[in-house]
Protein backbone atom coordinates (compact mmCIF):
# COMPACT_ATOMS: atom_id res chain seq x y z
CA MET A 1 268.20 113.12 -4.41
CA PRO A 2 265.53 110.60 -5.31
CA ARG A 3 265.38 107.04 -3.37
CA PHE A 4 264.44 104.86 -5.99
CA SER A 5 262.99 101.33 -5.41
CA ALA A 6 262.94 98.57 -7.75
CA ASN A 7 259.84 96.79 -8.30
CA VAL A 8 260.68 93.10 -8.53
CA SER A 9 257.45 91.81 -9.82
CA MET A 10 258.12 94.04 -13.29
CA LEU A 11 262.12 94.23 -12.97
CA PHE A 12 264.61 91.50 -12.91
CA THR A 13 262.27 88.92 -14.27
CA GLU A 14 265.05 87.40 -15.68
CA VAL A 15 265.42 85.27 -12.52
CA PRO A 16 263.01 83.70 -10.15
CA PHE A 17 261.14 85.71 -7.87
CA LEU A 18 263.24 85.25 -4.88
CA GLU A 19 266.27 85.93 -6.57
CA ARG A 20 265.27 89.59 -7.67
CA PHE A 21 265.92 91.00 -4.28
CA ALA A 22 269.73 90.22 -4.79
CA ALA A 23 269.84 91.10 -8.08
CA ALA A 24 268.51 94.66 -7.34
CA ALA A 25 270.76 95.12 -4.39
CA GLU A 26 273.68 94.10 -7.10
CA VAL A 27 272.92 97.19 -9.30
CA GLY A 28 272.87 99.61 -6.41
CA PHE A 29 268.85 99.79 -5.38
CA GLN A 30 268.57 99.92 -1.56
CA GLY A 31 264.80 99.42 -1.61
CA VAL A 32 262.77 96.93 -3.34
CA GLU A 33 258.93 96.44 -3.76
CA CYS A 34 256.59 93.85 -5.29
CA GLN A 35 253.19 93.29 -6.48
CA PHE A 36 251.90 90.36 -4.71
CA PRO A 37 254.27 88.29 -2.65
CA TYR A 38 251.96 85.79 -1.59
CA HIS A 39 253.22 82.86 -4.07
CA CYS A 40 256.03 82.66 -1.94
CA ASP A 41 256.27 81.69 1.84
CA ALA A 42 256.48 85.11 4.06
CA ASN A 43 259.93 83.73 6.02
CA ASP A 44 261.42 82.82 2.59
CA VAL A 45 260.60 86.25 1.15
CA ALA A 46 262.07 88.04 4.59
CA ASP A 47 265.15 85.87 4.57
CA ARG A 48 266.07 86.66 1.03
CA ILE A 49 265.30 90.62 1.54
CA ALA A 50 267.61 90.18 4.50
CA MET A 51 270.34 88.40 2.80
CA ALA A 52 270.31 90.99 -0.07
CA GLY A 53 270.70 93.97 2.43
CA VAL A 54 267.71 95.73 0.88
CA SER A 55 264.53 97.10 2.49
CA LEU A 56 260.96 95.98 1.22
CA VAL A 57 259.16 99.25 1.24
CA LEU A 58 255.63 97.93 -0.55
CA PHE A 59 253.67 95.67 -1.73
CA ASN A 60 249.91 95.01 -2.71
CA ALA A 61 247.04 93.61 -0.44
CA PRO A 62 245.79 90.31 -1.99
CA PRO A 63 243.95 91.16 -5.29
CA GLY A 64 241.06 88.76 -5.14
CA ASP A 65 241.00 86.30 -7.81
CA PHE A 66 243.53 87.80 -10.15
CA ALA A 67 243.41 85.04 -12.78
CA ALA A 68 239.66 85.76 -13.13
CA GLY A 69 240.48 89.51 -13.65
CA GLU A 70 239.86 90.75 -10.11
CA ARG A 71 242.13 93.60 -9.16
CA GLY A 72 241.29 94.22 -5.41
CA LEU A 73 238.19 93.71 -3.22
CA ALA A 74 238.13 97.06 -1.51
CA ALA A 75 235.03 98.66 -3.08
CA MET A 76 233.39 95.02 -4.05
CA PRO A 77 230.06 94.91 -2.03
CA GLY A 78 229.37 91.71 -0.56
CA ARG A 79 232.85 90.67 0.06
CA GLU A 80 233.43 92.77 3.27
CA GLN A 81 234.81 89.77 5.30
CA GLU A 82 236.87 88.59 2.38
CA PHE A 83 238.41 91.92 2.17
CA ARG A 84 239.28 92.07 6.04
CA ASP A 85 240.61 88.51 6.00
CA SER A 86 243.24 89.54 3.23
CA ILE A 87 244.19 92.71 4.76
CA GLU A 88 245.21 90.12 7.94
CA VAL A 89 246.99 87.71 5.74
CA ALA A 90 248.92 91.12 4.06
CA LEU A 91 249.91 92.17 7.39
CA GLY A 92 251.37 88.89 8.45
CA TYR A 93 254.05 89.68 5.31
CA ALA A 94 254.51 92.88 6.85
CA ASP A 95 255.36 91.90 9.78
CA MET A 96 257.93 89.44 8.46
CA THR A 97 259.64 91.35 6.05
CA GLU A 98 259.47 94.98 8.08
CA CYS A 99 257.01 96.44 5.51
CA THR A 100 255.77 99.92 6.39
CA ARG A 101 253.43 100.50 3.41
CA MET A 102 250.84 98.36 1.59
CA HIS A 103 248.53 99.42 -1.35
CA VAL A 104 244.69 98.47 -1.32
CA MET A 105 243.50 97.82 -4.52
CA ALA A 106 239.91 99.18 -5.10
CA GLY A 107 238.98 96.55 -7.87
CA CYS A 108 237.17 96.47 -11.20
CA LEU A 109 233.54 97.13 -11.34
CA SER A 110 230.56 97.45 -13.95
CA GLU A 111 228.85 100.69 -14.24
CA ASP A 112 225.93 99.46 -12.39
CA GLN A 113 227.84 98.39 -9.41
CA ARG A 114 229.55 101.69 -8.99
CA ASP A 115 226.80 103.46 -6.95
CA ALA A 116 226.65 101.06 -4.38
CA ALA A 117 230.15 100.53 -4.01
CA ILE A 118 231.34 103.73 -2.63
CA ASP A 119 230.29 103.26 0.93
CA THR A 120 231.82 99.66 0.52
CA TYR A 121 235.02 101.25 -0.21
CA LEU A 122 235.12 103.91 2.56
CA ASP A 123 234.16 101.63 5.06
CA ASN A 124 236.64 99.36 4.12
CA LEU A 125 239.61 101.60 3.48
CA VAL A 126 238.65 102.80 7.17
CA ALA A 127 238.71 99.55 8.54
CA ALA A 128 242.21 98.73 7.08
CA ALA A 129 243.70 101.63 7.73
CA ASP A 130 242.59 101.14 11.42
CA LEU A 131 244.13 97.34 11.61
CA ALA A 132 247.32 98.43 9.65
CA GLN A 133 247.72 101.51 11.89
CA ALA A 134 248.15 99.26 14.86
CA ALA A 135 250.79 97.12 13.08
CA GLY A 136 252.86 100.39 11.95
CA VAL A 137 251.70 99.75 8.27
CA GLN A 138 250.54 103.03 6.24
CA ILE A 139 247.49 102.61 3.79
CA LEU A 140 247.70 103.45 0.30
CA ILE A 141 245.22 103.58 -2.42
CA GLU A 142 246.56 104.20 -6.10
CA PRO A 143 244.58 105.65 -9.20
CA LEU A 144 245.22 103.26 -11.89
CA SER A 145 244.62 103.69 -16.00
CA MET A 146 242.82 100.27 -16.01
CA PRO A 147 239.56 99.57 -17.74
CA GLY A 148 236.51 99.12 -15.15
CA TYR A 149 238.88 100.30 -12.18
CA PHE A 150 236.94 101.89 -9.37
CA LEU A 151 239.45 104.58 -8.94
CA SER A 152 241.11 106.18 -11.72
CA ARG A 153 241.94 109.95 -11.35
CA PRO A 154 244.56 111.20 -8.84
CA ASP A 155 241.87 114.15 -8.00
CA GLN A 156 239.48 111.36 -6.72
CA ALA A 157 241.83 109.84 -4.72
CA VAL A 158 242.73 112.93 -3.01
CA GLU A 159 238.86 113.79 -2.48
CA ILE A 160 238.66 110.45 -0.79
CA ILE A 161 241.97 110.88 1.41
CA ARG A 162 240.62 114.46 2.76
CA HIS A 163 236.90 113.17 2.75
CA LEU A 164 238.10 110.19 5.16
CA GLY A 165 240.75 112.39 7.11
CA HIS A 166 242.40 109.15 8.50
CA LYS A 167 246.12 109.95 9.30
CA ASN A 168 246.58 106.58 8.14
CA ILE A 169 245.41 106.33 4.51
CA ALA A 170 247.68 107.99 1.79
CA LEU A 171 248.17 108.61 -1.93
CA GLN A 172 250.24 106.38 -4.00
CA TYR A 173 250.98 108.55 -6.87
CA ASP A 174 252.15 106.87 -9.92
CA PHE A 175 253.28 109.18 -12.73
CA HIS A 176 252.56 106.91 -15.41
CA HIS A 177 248.85 106.14 -14.43
CA ALA A 178 248.38 109.83 -13.75
CA GLN A 179 249.84 111.12 -16.94
CA ARG A 180 247.42 108.72 -18.98
CA MET A 181 244.25 109.77 -16.83
CA GLN A 182 244.73 113.27 -15.73
CA GLY A 183 248.19 114.80 -16.54
CA ASN A 184 249.34 117.97 -14.78
CA LEU A 185 252.02 116.11 -13.27
CA ALA A 186 254.05 119.09 -11.63
CA GLU A 187 251.03 121.12 -10.35
CA PHE A 188 249.23 118.05 -8.80
CA PHE A 189 252.22 117.10 -7.00
CA GLU A 190 253.05 120.26 -5.40
CA ASN A 191 249.75 120.91 -4.13
CA ASN A 192 248.94 117.47 -2.74
CA MET A 193 252.72 116.12 -1.54
CA ALA A 194 251.51 116.19 2.00
CA LEU A 195 249.09 113.59 1.10
CA ILE A 196 251.59 111.54 -0.97
CA GLY A 197 253.11 108.10 0.83
CA HIS A 198 254.74 106.57 -2.20
CA ILE A 199 255.59 107.55 -5.71
CA GLN A 200 256.10 104.91 -8.57
CA VAL A 201 257.53 105.87 -12.27
CA ALA A 202 257.21 104.34 -15.62
CA GLY A 203 257.11 106.08 -19.08
CA VAL A 204 254.54 106.91 -21.63
CA PRO A 205 253.40 105.22 -23.59
CA GLY A 206 254.63 101.89 -23.09
CA ARG A 207 255.09 101.46 -19.47
CA HIS A 208 258.83 101.25 -20.14
CA GLU A 209 261.83 102.90 -18.36
CA PRO A 210 261.36 106.36 -17.22
CA ASP A 211 263.90 107.87 -19.64
CA LYS A 212 263.97 110.65 -22.77
CA LEU A 213 262.25 108.17 -25.37
CA GLY A 214 258.51 108.69 -23.79
CA GLU A 215 256.24 112.21 -23.43
CA ILE A 216 257.19 112.71 -19.78
CA ASN A 217 260.40 115.06 -18.93
CA TRP A 218 261.84 112.71 -16.20
CA THR A 219 264.96 115.07 -15.79
CA PHE A 220 262.30 117.80 -14.74
CA ILE A 221 259.95 115.44 -12.55
CA PHE A 222 263.37 114.24 -10.29
CA ASP A 223 264.55 117.86 -10.13
CA MET A 224 261.14 118.86 -8.65
CA LEU A 225 261.15 115.81 -6.04
CA ASP A 226 264.29 117.25 -4.78
CA ALA A 227 263.10 121.00 -5.11
CA ASN A 228 259.98 120.12 -2.61
CA GLY A 229 261.63 118.14 -0.24
CA TYR A 230 260.09 114.64 -1.09
CA ASP A 231 262.29 112.15 1.00
CA GLY A 232 260.02 109.14 0.29
CA TRP A 233 260.49 106.14 -1.96
CA VAL A 234 260.32 106.57 -5.69
CA GLY A 235 259.47 102.94 -7.24
CA ALA A 236 260.67 101.86 -10.57
CA GLU A 237 257.66 99.73 -12.02
CA TYR A 238 258.03 99.46 -15.42
CA ASN A 239 258.64 96.95 -18.24
CA PRO A 240 262.03 97.09 -19.41
CA ARG A 241 262.20 97.28 -23.53
CA ASN A 242 265.49 94.67 -23.90
CA GLY A 243 266.51 93.60 -20.17
CA THR A 244 266.67 94.99 -16.66
CA VAL A 245 270.33 95.69 -16.47
CA ALA A 246 270.51 97.24 -19.96
CA GLY A 247 267.33 99.36 -19.06
CA LEU A 248 269.17 101.10 -16.39
CA GLY A 249 270.77 103.83 -18.10
CA TRP A 250 268.13 106.51 -16.79
CA ALA A 251 269.52 105.81 -13.35
CA LYS A 252 273.03 105.75 -13.61
CA ASP A 253 273.21 109.61 -12.17
CA TRP A 254 272.14 107.89 -9.00
CA GLY A 255 274.32 105.18 -8.27
CA ILE A 256 271.94 102.54 -10.12
CA GLY A 257 273.30 100.09 -13.04
CA ALA A 258 275.71 97.31 -13.78
CA LYS A 259 278.65 99.72 -13.53
CA ALA A 260 277.03 103.13 -12.62
CA GLU A 261 279.17 105.75 -10.73
CA VAL A 262 277.64 108.80 -9.06
CA PRO A 263 278.95 111.82 -10.31
CA ALA A 264 280.32 114.27 -7.71
CA ALA A 265 277.42 116.77 -8.10
CA LYS A 266 275.12 113.81 -7.36
CA ARG A 267 276.74 112.25 -3.96
CA LYS A 268 276.12 115.34 -1.80
C-alpha cells in the first residue's frame, strides 16, 4: 500500500516548524518531508525527527533569494558557484538528518534567458549528482506549474534525465503539477516509473487534499501505484482546506488520521 510522507512545510502549520514532525507521527505518518529546513539549525531538525520516530525522506536544496521570488539556482547562468555552494549546505542537512533525497530546483527565468540556461542546467545537475552520490543522496528534478519556471512539463524532465544518463538523477513526479501542465497521469507514470524517485500529491484545482472534491480520481491513482509495485514515498504536499487533522479523511484507509483504523483488507 502507499507509503505517505507529510510535507510539514504545508501540513501541521498550526504548530511551529520543529513541532510538526511529532504532530505528523501522532496521526500515523511514518515519513516526513519539507521544502526548506534552513531557517532551523540542522542539529535541531535532526533531534526533533529522531524524537518523533519518523524518517525525513525529502527536502529542497536552497532556492536562492526566496523573498525576491527566486525558486532555485540550477538553471541560472553566472551563478554556478553559488549553486554548488548551496548543494554543499544541503548535503550537510542531509547528513545530519539521514535524508537520502534532495529536490534541486531549476529557477524562474525570462524568455530571453532560456536558451543560455539549458547548458548551465545540465552542467549543474551533473555536478550536484556527483557530489550527492558520494554522500548517498539522490538528486531529484520536478516540473512545476509556476510562471516562468524553467522546467514545467514531465516529458521535458524525462528527456533531460535520459539525455544525462546519470544514475543519481531521478524524477520527482508531482501529480498536482503534472495534471495542470500535461495530464495523462497514469500512462506517463507507467511508462516512466523506472525514472521516478519520489511522488507528491495534491488536489486539482486548489492544491488541497487528494480527495473526491477535485478532478483527479485518487482511488484509481493509489491503486495504480500498488498495481505497478511502486514502493517509494508519496508526499502529501497540499494546503489543507480547514486544518490539517480535520482534512485527513482521505488517508484513513492507510492508518493516518486522528482516529484512523486500518481495515483488514489494507493491513496485508
